[in-house]
Amino acid sequence: MNPSAKQKALMLSLAVAFSPLVPLLLAQFASYALGCAVTEAVEPTCMFLGLDVGGLLYGLFMLGGFGFAISILLGMGIYKFLQRKSTQW
C-alpha cells in the first residue's frame, strides 16, 4: 500500500511535533540512573565519573519542555501546509 500525500504529511508533522521528547526523556532517564532529580525549578547536582552533569541534564530537560510546546504548533502548521498543497495537485 502506497501512502498518500495526506498520510505522509501526517507522519512528518507527528515526527516534528514529538521530536523534542527525545532530549526530555534522555535527561529524565539519565537523571534517574544517576540518582538525582531534574526539575524546572533548580539545576541539580548530578555526578557522573567525577563530573557534574547537572547543567547538561537541566539544559536538555528545558530544551525538551519548551521545544515540545513550540513543535506542536510547528507540526500542525506543516500538516495544514502540506494538506493544502496536496489538494492543489
N, C-alpha and C. Protein backbone atom coordinates (compact mmCIF):
# COMPACT_ATOMS: atom_id res chain seq x y z
N MET A 1 0.84 -1.18 0.00
CA MET A 1 0.00 0.00 0.00
C MET A 1 0.88 1.24 0.00
N ASN A 2 0.66 2.10 -0.95
CA ASN A 2 1.44 3.32 -1.09
C ASN A 2 0.77 4.43 -0.27
N PRO A 3 1.54 5.04 0.66
CA PRO A 3 0.92 6.09 1.46
C PRO A 3 0.59 7.33 0.63
N SER A 4 -0.55 7.88 0.89
CA SER A 4 -0.97 9.07 0.15
C SER A 4 -0.23 10.29 0.68
N ALA A 5 -0.39 11.41 0.00
CA ALA A 5 0.26 12.65 0.42
C ALA A 5 -0.25 13.09 1.79
N LYS A 6 -1.52 12.83 2.06
CA LYS A 6 -2.09 13.20 3.35
C LYS A 6 -1.46 12.39 4.48
N GLN A 7 -1.23 11.10 4.23
CA GLN A 7 -0.61 10.26 5.24
C GLN A 7 0.85 10.66 5.46
N LYS A 8 1.54 11.00 4.38
CA LYS A 8 2.92 11.45 4.52
C LYS A 8 3.00 12.75 5.31
N ALA A 9 2.07 13.66 5.04
CA ALA A 9 2.04 14.93 5.77
C ALA A 9 1.77 14.70 7.24
N LEU A 10 0.87 13.79 7.54
CA LEU A 10 0.56 13.48 8.93
C LEU A 10 1.77 12.87 9.64
N MET A 11 2.47 11.95 8.97
CA MET A 11 3.63 11.31 9.58
C MET A 11 4.76 12.32 9.81
N LEU A 12 4.98 13.23 8.85
CA LEU A 12 6.00 14.25 9.00
C LEU A 12 5.67 15.21 10.14
N SER A 13 4.42 15.63 10.20
CA SER A 13 4.04 16.57 11.25
C SER A 13 4.11 15.92 12.63
N LEU A 14 3.78 14.65 12.74
CA LEU A 14 3.90 13.95 14.02
C LEU A 14 5.36 13.78 14.43
N ALA A 15 6.23 13.51 13.45
CA ALA A 15 7.65 13.38 13.75
C ALA A 15 8.22 14.71 14.26
N VAL A 16 7.83 15.81 13.63
CA VAL A 16 8.30 17.13 14.07
C VAL A 16 7.71 17.47 15.43
N ALA A 17 6.45 17.17 15.62
CA ALA A 17 5.78 17.54 16.86
C ALA A 17 6.34 16.81 18.08
N PHE A 18 6.72 15.55 17.92
CA PHE A 18 7.16 14.77 19.06
C PHE A 18 8.68 14.63 19.16
N SER A 19 9.43 15.26 18.27
CA SER A 19 10.90 15.16 18.33
C SER A 19 11.50 15.77 19.59
N PRO A 20 10.95 16.82 20.20
CA PRO A 20 11.55 17.33 21.44
C PRO A 20 11.44 16.39 22.63
N LEU A 21 10.66 15.35 22.51
CA LEU A 21 10.59 14.39 23.61
C LEU A 21 11.89 13.63 23.78
N VAL A 22 12.72 13.57 22.73
CA VAL A 22 13.97 12.83 22.82
C VAL A 22 14.90 13.42 23.88
N PRO A 23 15.25 14.73 23.82
CA PRO A 23 16.13 15.25 24.88
C PRO A 23 15.47 15.27 26.25
N LEU A 24 14.16 15.48 26.29
CA LEU A 24 13.46 15.49 27.58
C LEU A 24 13.53 14.12 28.24
N LEU A 25 13.24 13.08 27.48
CA LEU A 25 13.29 11.73 28.04
C LEU A 25 14.72 11.29 28.33
N LEU A 26 15.66 11.71 27.50
CA LEU A 26 17.06 11.40 27.75
C LEU A 26 17.52 11.99 29.07
N ALA A 27 17.14 13.24 29.34
CA ALA A 27 17.50 13.88 30.60
C ALA A 27 16.84 13.18 31.78
N GLN A 28 15.59 12.80 31.62
CA GLN A 28 14.89 12.12 32.71
C GLN A 28 15.50 10.75 33.01
N PHE A 29 15.77 9.97 31.98
CA PHE A 29 16.34 8.63 32.18
C PHE A 29 17.75 8.72 32.77
N ALA A 30 18.55 9.67 32.27
CA ALA A 30 19.91 9.82 32.80
C ALA A 30 19.90 10.27 34.25
N SER A 31 19.02 11.21 34.58
CA SER A 31 18.96 11.66 35.97
C SER A 31 18.47 10.55 36.89
N TYR A 32 17.54 9.75 36.41
CA TYR A 32 17.08 8.62 37.22
C TYR A 32 18.21 7.62 37.44
N ALA A 33 18.98 7.35 36.40
CA ALA A 33 20.09 6.40 36.51
C ALA A 33 21.20 6.93 37.43
N LEU A 34 21.37 8.26 37.45
CA LEU A 34 22.40 8.86 38.30
C LEU A 34 21.92 9.15 39.71
N GLY A 35 20.64 8.98 39.95
CA GLY A 35 20.09 9.17 41.29
C GLY A 35 19.85 10.62 41.67
N CYS A 36 19.59 11.46 40.72
CA CYS A 36 19.28 12.86 41.01
C CYS A 36 17.95 13.22 40.32
N ALA A 37 17.38 14.33 40.72
CA ALA A 37 16.08 14.74 40.18
C ALA A 37 16.24 16.04 39.39
N VAL A 38 15.82 16.02 38.15
CA VAL A 38 15.85 17.22 37.31
C VAL A 38 14.45 17.82 37.31
N THR A 39 14.36 19.08 37.71
CA THR A 39 13.09 19.80 37.70
C THR A 39 13.28 21.13 37.00
N GLU A 40 12.16 21.82 36.77
CA GLU A 40 12.23 23.13 36.12
C GLU A 40 12.74 24.20 37.08
N ALA A 41 12.66 23.97 38.35
CA ALA A 41 12.95 25.00 39.34
C ALA A 41 14.45 25.25 39.55
N VAL A 42 15.23 24.21 39.62
CA VAL A 42 16.63 24.39 40.00
C VAL A 42 17.51 23.40 39.24
N GLU A 43 18.74 23.83 38.96
CA GLU A 43 19.71 22.96 38.31
C GLU A 43 20.26 21.98 39.34
N PRO A 44 20.15 20.68 39.08
CA PRO A 44 20.59 19.70 40.08
C PRO A 44 22.10 19.48 40.06
N THR A 45 22.59 18.83 41.09
CA THR A 45 23.96 18.37 41.12
C THR A 45 23.95 16.88 40.85
N CYS A 46 24.41 16.50 39.67
CA CYS A 46 24.45 15.09 39.28
C CYS A 46 25.88 14.74 38.90
N MET A 47 26.46 13.82 39.62
CA MET A 47 27.84 13.44 39.37
C MET A 47 27.90 12.19 38.50
N PHE A 48 28.75 12.28 37.47
CA PHE A 48 28.99 11.14 36.58
C PHE A 48 30.48 11.10 36.28
N LEU A 49 31.15 10.06 36.75
CA LEU A 49 32.60 9.90 36.58
C LEU A 49 33.37 11.10 37.09
N GLY A 50 32.93 11.65 38.20
CA GLY A 50 33.61 12.79 38.81
C GLY A 50 33.27 14.14 38.21
N LEU A 51 32.39 14.18 37.25
CA LEU A 51 31.97 15.44 36.62
C LEU A 51 30.52 15.75 36.98
N ASP A 52 30.25 17.02 37.17
CA ASP A 52 28.87 17.44 37.43
C ASP A 52 28.17 17.66 36.09
N VAL A 53 27.22 16.78 35.77
CA VAL A 53 26.48 16.88 34.51
C VAL A 53 25.08 17.43 34.74
N GLY A 54 24.85 18.02 35.90
CA GLY A 54 23.53 18.56 36.22
C GLY A 54 23.11 19.67 35.27
N GLY A 55 24.05 20.52 34.89
CA GLY A 55 23.73 21.61 33.96
C GLY A 55 23.33 21.09 32.59
N LEU A 56 24.01 20.05 32.13
CA LEU A 56 23.67 19.44 30.85
C LEU A 56 22.29 18.81 30.89
N LEU A 57 22.01 18.07 31.95
CA LEU A 57 20.70 17.44 32.08
C LEU A 57 19.59 18.48 32.21
N TYR A 58 19.87 19.55 32.95
CA TYR A 58 18.89 20.63 33.09
C TYR A 58 18.62 21.29 31.74
N GLY A 59 19.68 21.53 30.98
CA GLY A 59 19.52 22.12 29.66
C GLY A 59 18.71 21.23 28.72
N LEU A 60 19.00 19.94 28.72
CA LEU A 60 18.24 19.00 27.90
C LEU A 60 16.77 18.97 28.31
N PHE A 61 16.54 18.97 29.60
CA PHE A 61 15.18 18.93 30.11
C PHE A 61 14.39 20.17 29.70
N MET A 62 15.00 21.34 29.85
CA MET A 62 14.30 22.58 29.50
C MET A 62 14.14 22.71 27.98
N LEU A 63 15.14 22.28 27.22
CA LEU A 63 15.04 22.29 25.76
C LEU A 63 13.87 21.43 25.30
N GLY A 64 13.73 20.26 25.90
CA GLY A 64 12.62 19.38 25.55
C GLY A 64 11.28 19.97 25.93
N GLY A 65 11.20 20.58 27.09
CA GLY A 65 9.92 21.15 27.54
C GLY A 65 9.46 22.31 26.68
N PHE A 66 10.36 23.27 26.45
CA PHE A 66 9.98 24.42 25.61
C PHE A 66 9.81 24.01 24.16
N GLY A 67 10.69 23.14 23.69
CA GLY A 67 10.60 22.69 22.31
C GLY A 67 9.32 21.93 22.02
N PHE A 68 8.83 21.21 23.01
CA PHE A 68 7.60 20.45 22.82
C PHE A 68 6.42 21.37 22.54
N ALA A 69 6.33 22.45 23.29
CA ALA A 69 5.23 23.40 23.08
C ALA A 69 5.32 24.06 21.71
N ILE A 70 6.52 24.42 21.31
CA ILE A 70 6.70 25.08 20.01
C ILE A 70 6.51 24.10 18.86
N SER A 71 7.01 22.89 18.99
CA SER A 71 6.94 21.95 17.88
C SER A 71 5.53 21.44 17.63
N ILE A 72 4.68 21.43 18.63
CA ILE A 72 3.28 21.05 18.40
C ILE A 72 2.66 22.03 17.41
N LEU A 73 2.89 23.31 17.64
CA LEU A 73 2.37 24.31 16.72
C LEU A 73 3.02 24.20 15.35
N LEU A 74 4.32 23.95 15.30
CA LEU A 74 5.01 23.80 14.04
C LEU A 74 4.51 22.57 13.29
N GLY A 75 4.31 21.48 14.00
CA GLY A 75 3.78 20.26 13.37
C GLY A 75 2.40 20.47 12.79
N MET A 76 1.54 21.19 13.51
CA MET A 76 0.20 21.47 12.97
C MET A 76 0.30 22.34 11.73
N GLY A 77 1.21 23.30 11.74
CA GLY A 77 1.39 24.16 10.58
C GLY A 77 1.89 23.40 9.37
N ILE A 78 2.85 22.50 9.57
CA ILE A 78 3.36 21.69 8.47
C ILE A 78 2.25 20.81 7.90
N TYR A 79 1.46 20.22 8.78
CA TYR A 79 0.37 19.37 8.32
C TYR A 79 -0.63 20.16 7.48
N LYS A 80 -1.03 21.33 7.97
CA LYS A 80 -2.00 22.14 7.22
C LYS A 80 -1.41 22.60 5.89
N PHE A 81 -0.13 22.98 5.88
CA PHE A 81 0.51 23.44 4.66
C PHE A 81 0.57 22.31 3.63
N LEU A 82 1.02 21.13 4.05
CA LEU A 82 1.12 20.01 3.12
C LEU A 82 -0.24 19.50 2.70
N GLN A 83 -1.21 19.59 3.59
CA GLN A 83 -2.57 19.17 3.23
C GLN A 83 -3.13 20.10 2.17
N ARG A 84 -2.87 21.38 2.30
CA ARG A 84 -3.34 22.36 1.31
C ARG A 84 -2.61 22.16 -0.01
N LYS A 85 -1.32 21.84 0.04
CA LYS A 85 -0.54 21.59 -1.17
C LYS A 85 -1.04 20.36 -1.90
N SER A 86 -1.42 19.31 -1.14
CA SER A 86 -1.84 18.07 -1.78
C SER A 86 -3.19 18.21 -2.49
N THR A 87 -4.02 19.13 -2.04
CA THR A 87 -5.30 19.33 -2.73
C THR A 87 -5.12 20.07 -4.05
N GLN A 88 -4.00 20.80 -4.18
CA GLN A 88 -3.74 21.51 -5.42
C GLN A 88 -3.18 20.60 -6.49
N TRP A 89 -2.60 19.45 -6.12
CA TRP A 89 -2.01 18.55 -7.10
C TRP A 89 -3.04 17.75 -7.77
